[in-house]
Amino acid sequence: MMTQTEKDPPWQNRTKVEIRELKQYTHHFMSRSNTLTALWDYCCQYVVELHKSIARPLPQLKGRTPYEGLTGNNGHFRVPRVHLVPASVVL
């Protein structure tokens, strides 16, 4: 039985690529720090803040950060520092 898929491959859809990267980095940070699964949303927010504050080699951004490219504001902003500490369970 054949199913119909989207006409464009997933790597051509920028949103899908970005979401996949977000999930990979979130998983990476959580596994490296042994963070509880219940805290996935905080880690995801940290990855998003970090991602939008780092300039990437995209021609359309011309060396600017995604935040700067979207708003035109080159003001300085801080990425919130989140310490993902492994939880200890005491029985």
N, C-alpha and C. Protein backbone atom coordinates (compact mmCIF):
# COMPACT_ATOMS: atom_id res chain seq x y z
N MET A 1 0.84 -1.17 0.00
CA MET A 1 0.00 0.00 0.00
C MET A 1 0.89 1.24 0.00
N MET A 2 0.65 2.15 -0.89
CA MET A 2 1.45 3.37 -0.98
C MET A 2 0.74 4.52 -0.27
N THR A 3 1.55 5.34 0.35
CA THR A 3 0.99 6.54 0.97
C THR A 3 1.58 7.75 0.27
N GLN A 4 0.85 8.81 0.25
CA GLN A 4 1.31 10.02 -0.42
C GLN A 4 2.11 10.86 0.57
N THR A 5 3.23 11.34 0.11
CA THR A 5 4.07 12.19 0.95
C THR A 5 4.09 13.60 0.37
N GLU A 6 4.74 14.48 1.08
CA GLU A 6 4.87 15.85 0.58
C GLU A 6 5.74 15.87 -0.66
N LYS A 7 5.48 16.81 -1.54
CA LYS A 7 6.21 16.83 -2.80
C LYS A 7 7.66 17.25 -2.63
N ASP A 8 7.97 18.10 -1.64
CA ASP A 8 9.35 18.53 -1.43
C ASP A 8 10.01 17.65 -0.37
N PRO A 9 11.27 17.30 -0.57
CA PRO A 9 12.00 16.54 0.47
C PRO A 9 12.13 17.37 1.74
N PRO A 10 12.24 16.71 2.90
CA PRO A 10 12.28 17.44 4.17
C PRO A 10 13.44 18.42 4.28
N TRP A 11 14.58 18.14 3.66
CA TRP A 11 15.71 19.06 3.79
C TRP A 11 15.49 20.36 3.02
N GLN A 12 14.46 20.40 2.19
CA GLN A 12 14.15 21.64 1.48
C GLN A 12 13.19 22.51 2.27
N ASN A 13 12.57 21.95 3.26
CA ASN A 13 11.66 22.72 4.10
C ASN A 13 12.44 23.21 5.32
N ARG A 14 12.79 24.47 5.34
CA ARG A 14 13.66 25.03 6.38
C ARG A 14 13.10 24.85 7.79
N THR A 15 11.80 24.94 7.93
CA THR A 15 11.19 24.81 9.26
C THR A 15 11.43 23.43 9.82
N LYS A 16 11.26 22.41 9.02
CA LYS A 16 11.47 21.04 9.49
C LYS A 16 12.92 20.82 9.90
N VAL A 17 13.83 21.40 9.16
CA VAL A 17 15.26 21.27 9.48
C VAL A 17 15.54 21.93 10.82
N GLU A 18 15.00 23.13 11.03
CA GLU A 18 15.24 23.86 12.28
C GLU A 18 14.64 23.11 13.47
N ILE A 19 13.45 22.56 13.32
CA ILE A 19 12.82 21.81 14.41
C ILE A 19 13.63 20.56 14.73
N ARG A 20 14.12 19.89 13.70
CA ARG A 20 14.94 18.70 13.91
C ARG A 20 16.22 19.06 14.67
N GLU A 21 16.86 20.17 14.29
CA GLU A 21 18.06 20.62 15.00
C GLU A 21 17.75 20.99 16.45
N LEU A 22 16.62 21.65 16.67
CA LEU A 22 16.22 22.01 18.02
C LEU A 22 16.07 20.77 18.88
N LYS A 23 15.42 19.75 18.35
CA LYS A 23 15.25 18.50 19.10
C LYS A 23 16.59 17.83 19.37
N GLN A 24 17.48 17.83 18.39
CA GLN A 24 18.79 17.20 18.56
C GLN A 24 19.61 17.91 19.63
N TYR A 25 19.66 19.24 19.58
CA TYR A 25 20.43 19.98 20.57
C TYR A 25 19.82 19.85 21.97
N THR A 26 18.49 19.88 22.05
CA THR A 26 17.84 19.70 23.34
C THR A 26 18.20 18.34 23.93
N HIS A 27 18.11 17.31 23.12
CA HIS A 27 18.46 15.97 23.58
C HIS A 27 19.94 15.91 23.98
N HIS A 28 20.79 16.55 23.19
CA HIS A 28 22.23 16.56 23.48
C HIS A 28 22.51 17.21 24.83
N PHE A 29 21.96 18.40 25.06
CA PHE A 29 22.19 19.09 26.33
C PHE A 29 21.62 18.32 27.51
N MET A 30 20.45 17.73 27.34
CA MET A 30 19.84 17.00 28.43
C MET A 30 20.60 15.72 28.76
N SER A 31 21.09 15.02 27.75
CA SER A 31 21.82 13.79 28.01
C SER A 31 23.20 14.08 28.60
N ARG A 32 23.84 15.18 28.17
CA ARG A 32 25.16 15.53 28.69
C ARG A 32 25.09 15.94 30.16
N SER A 33 23.97 16.51 30.57
CA SER A 33 23.86 17.00 31.94
C SER A 33 22.98 16.11 32.83
N ASN A 34 22.52 14.99 32.29
CA ASN A 34 21.65 14.07 33.04
C ASN A 34 20.43 14.77 33.64
N THR A 35 19.81 15.61 32.86
CA THR A 35 18.65 16.38 33.30
C THR A 35 17.40 15.51 33.27
N LEU A 36 16.51 15.76 34.19
CA LEU A 36 15.24 15.04 34.21
C LEU A 36 14.43 15.34 32.96
N THR A 37 13.72 14.36 32.46
CA THR A 37 12.90 14.53 31.27
C THR A 37 11.80 15.57 31.49
N ALA A 38 11.36 15.72 32.71
CA ALA A 38 10.30 16.68 33.02
C ALA A 38 10.74 18.12 32.75
N LEU A 39 12.04 18.35 32.63
CA LEU A 39 12.55 19.71 32.42
C LEU A 39 12.89 19.98 30.96
N TRP A 40 12.36 19.19 30.05
CA TRP A 40 12.69 19.33 28.63
C TRP A 40 12.33 20.70 28.09
N ASP A 41 11.24 21.30 28.57
CA ASP A 41 10.82 22.59 28.02
C ASP A 41 11.78 23.71 28.37
N TYR A 42 12.38 23.66 29.57
CA TYR A 42 13.36 24.68 29.94
C TYR A 42 14.62 24.54 29.08
N CYS A 43 15.02 23.32 28.85
CA CYS A 43 16.20 23.08 28.01
C CYS A 43 15.93 23.53 26.58
N CYS A 44 14.73 23.27 26.10
CA CYS A 44 14.35 23.67 24.76
C CYS A 44 14.38 25.20 24.63
N GLN A 45 13.89 25.89 25.64
CA GLN A 45 13.91 27.35 25.63
C GLN A 45 15.34 27.86 25.64
N TYR A 46 16.21 27.22 26.40
CA TYR A 46 17.62 27.60 26.44
C TYR A 46 18.26 27.45 25.06
N VAL A 47 17.97 26.34 24.38
CA VAL A 47 18.53 26.08 23.05
C VAL A 47 18.05 27.14 22.06
N VAL A 48 16.78 27.52 22.13
CA VAL A 48 16.25 28.54 21.24
C VAL A 48 16.94 29.88 21.47
N GLU A 49 17.08 30.28 22.74
CA GLU A 49 17.75 31.55 23.06
C GLU A 49 19.20 31.53 22.60
N LEU A 50 19.86 30.41 22.78
CA LEU A 50 21.24 30.28 22.35
C LEU A 50 21.34 30.34 20.82
N HIS A 51 20.43 29.66 20.16
CA HIS A 51 20.43 29.57 18.70
C HIS A 51 20.20 30.94 18.05
N LYS A 52 19.31 31.73 18.62
CA LYS A 52 19.03 33.02 17.99
C LYS A 52 20.07 34.08 18.29
N SER A 53 21.01 33.78 19.21
CA SER A 53 22.03 34.76 19.54
C SER A 53 23.38 34.46 18.89
N ILE A 54 23.45 33.40 18.08
CA ILE A 54 24.70 33.02 17.42
C ILE A 54 24.56 33.24 15.92
N ALA A 55 25.50 33.98 15.35
CA ALA A 55 25.50 34.21 13.91
C ALA A 55 25.90 32.93 13.20
N ARG A 56 25.20 32.61 12.12
CA ARG A 56 25.51 31.42 11.34
C ARG A 56 25.80 31.82 9.91
N PRO A 57 26.48 30.94 9.17
CA PRO A 57 26.88 31.30 7.80
C PRO A 57 25.74 31.17 6.79
N LEU A 58 24.69 31.94 6.98
CA LEU A 58 23.58 31.96 6.04
C LEU A 58 23.68 33.22 5.20
N PRO A 59 23.67 33.10 3.87
CA PRO A 59 23.85 34.29 3.03
C PRO A 59 22.79 35.36 3.26
N GLN A 60 21.56 34.95 3.54
CA GLN A 60 20.49 35.94 3.72
C GLN A 60 20.65 36.75 5.01
N LEU A 61 21.43 36.25 5.99
CA LEU A 61 21.64 37.00 7.23
C LEU A 61 22.84 37.94 7.16
N LYS A 62 23.72 37.74 6.21
CA LYS A 62 24.89 38.61 5.99
C LYS A 62 25.74 38.75 7.25
N GLY A 63 25.98 37.63 7.93
CA GLY A 63 26.85 37.64 9.11
C GLY A 63 26.19 38.10 10.39
N ARG A 64 24.91 38.34 10.37
CA ARG A 64 24.20 38.79 11.58
C ARG A 64 23.56 37.60 12.28
N THR A 65 23.13 37.82 13.51
CA THR A 65 22.41 36.78 14.25
C THR A 65 20.98 36.71 13.71
N PRO A 66 20.28 35.59 13.90
CA PRO A 66 18.89 35.52 13.46
C PRO A 66 18.01 36.60 14.10
N TYR A 67 18.26 36.92 15.37
CA TYR A 67 17.50 37.96 16.05
C TYR A 67 17.71 39.31 15.38
N GLU A 68 18.97 39.59 15.06
CA GLU A 68 19.31 40.84 14.38
C GLU A 68 18.70 40.92 12.99
N GLY A 69 18.71 39.79 12.28
CA GLY A 69 18.14 39.75 10.94
C GLY A 69 16.64 39.97 10.95
N LEU A 70 15.97 39.48 11.99
CA LEU A 70 14.52 39.62 12.07
C LEU A 70 14.09 41.01 12.51
N THR A 71 14.75 41.53 13.54
CA THR A 71 14.31 42.80 14.12
C THR A 71 15.08 44.01 13.61
N GLY A 72 16.28 43.79 13.08
CA GLY A 72 17.12 44.91 12.68
C GLY A 72 17.81 45.56 13.85
N ASN A 73 17.53 45.09 15.04
CA ASN A 73 18.11 45.64 16.25
C ASN A 73 19.42 44.93 16.53
N ASN A 74 20.50 45.68 16.60
CA ASN A 74 21.77 45.06 16.93
C ASN A 74 22.15 45.30 18.38
N GLY A 75 21.16 45.57 19.21
CA GLY A 75 21.40 45.80 20.62
C GLY A 75 21.95 44.56 21.30
N HIS A 76 22.62 44.79 22.38
CA HIS A 76 23.20 43.68 23.10
C HIS A 76 22.13 43.07 24.01
N PHE A 77 22.07 41.77 24.01
CA PHE A 77 21.17 41.08 24.91
C PHE A 77 21.87 39.85 25.43
N ARG A 78 21.49 39.46 26.60
CA ARG A 78 22.14 38.31 27.24
C ARG A 78 21.32 37.06 27.05
N VAL A 79 22.00 35.98 26.81
CA VAL A 79 21.34 34.68 26.81
C VAL A 79 21.23 34.26 28.27
N PRO A 80 20.03 33.89 28.71
CA PRO A 80 19.89 33.51 30.11
C PRO A 80 20.77 32.30 30.41
N ARG A 81 21.45 32.36 31.51
CA ARG A 81 22.32 31.26 31.90
C ARG A 81 21.50 30.27 32.71
N VAL A 82 21.35 29.10 32.18
CA VAL A 82 20.56 28.06 32.85
C VAL A 82 21.51 26.93 33.19
N HIS A 83 21.52 26.54 34.45
CA HIS A 83 22.36 25.43 34.87
C HIS A 83 21.48 24.20 35.00
N LEU A 84 21.71 23.26 34.10
CA LEU A 84 20.95 22.02 34.16
C LEU A 84 21.71 21.05 35.06
N VAL A 85 21.21 20.89 36.27
CA VAL A 85 21.88 20.10 37.28
C VAL A 85 21.18 18.76 37.39
N PRO A 86 21.95 17.66 37.42
CA PRO A 86 21.30 16.37 37.59
C PRO A 86 20.59 16.29 38.93
N ALA A 87 19.43 15.74 38.91
CA ALA A 87 18.64 15.64 40.12
C ALA A 87 19.06 14.40 40.91
N SER A 88 19.04 14.53 42.21
CA SER A 88 19.33 13.36 43.04
C SER A 88 18.06 12.99 43.78
N VAL A 89 17.80 11.72 43.82
CA VAL A 89 16.58 11.22 44.46
C VAL A 89 16.98 10.59 45.79
N VAL A 90 16.35 11.04 46.83
CA VAL A 90 16.61 10.48 48.16
C VAL A 90 15.40 9.67 48.57
N LEU A 91 15.64 8.42 48.87
CA LEU A 91 14.53 7.55 49.29
C LEU A 91 14.52 7.35 50.78
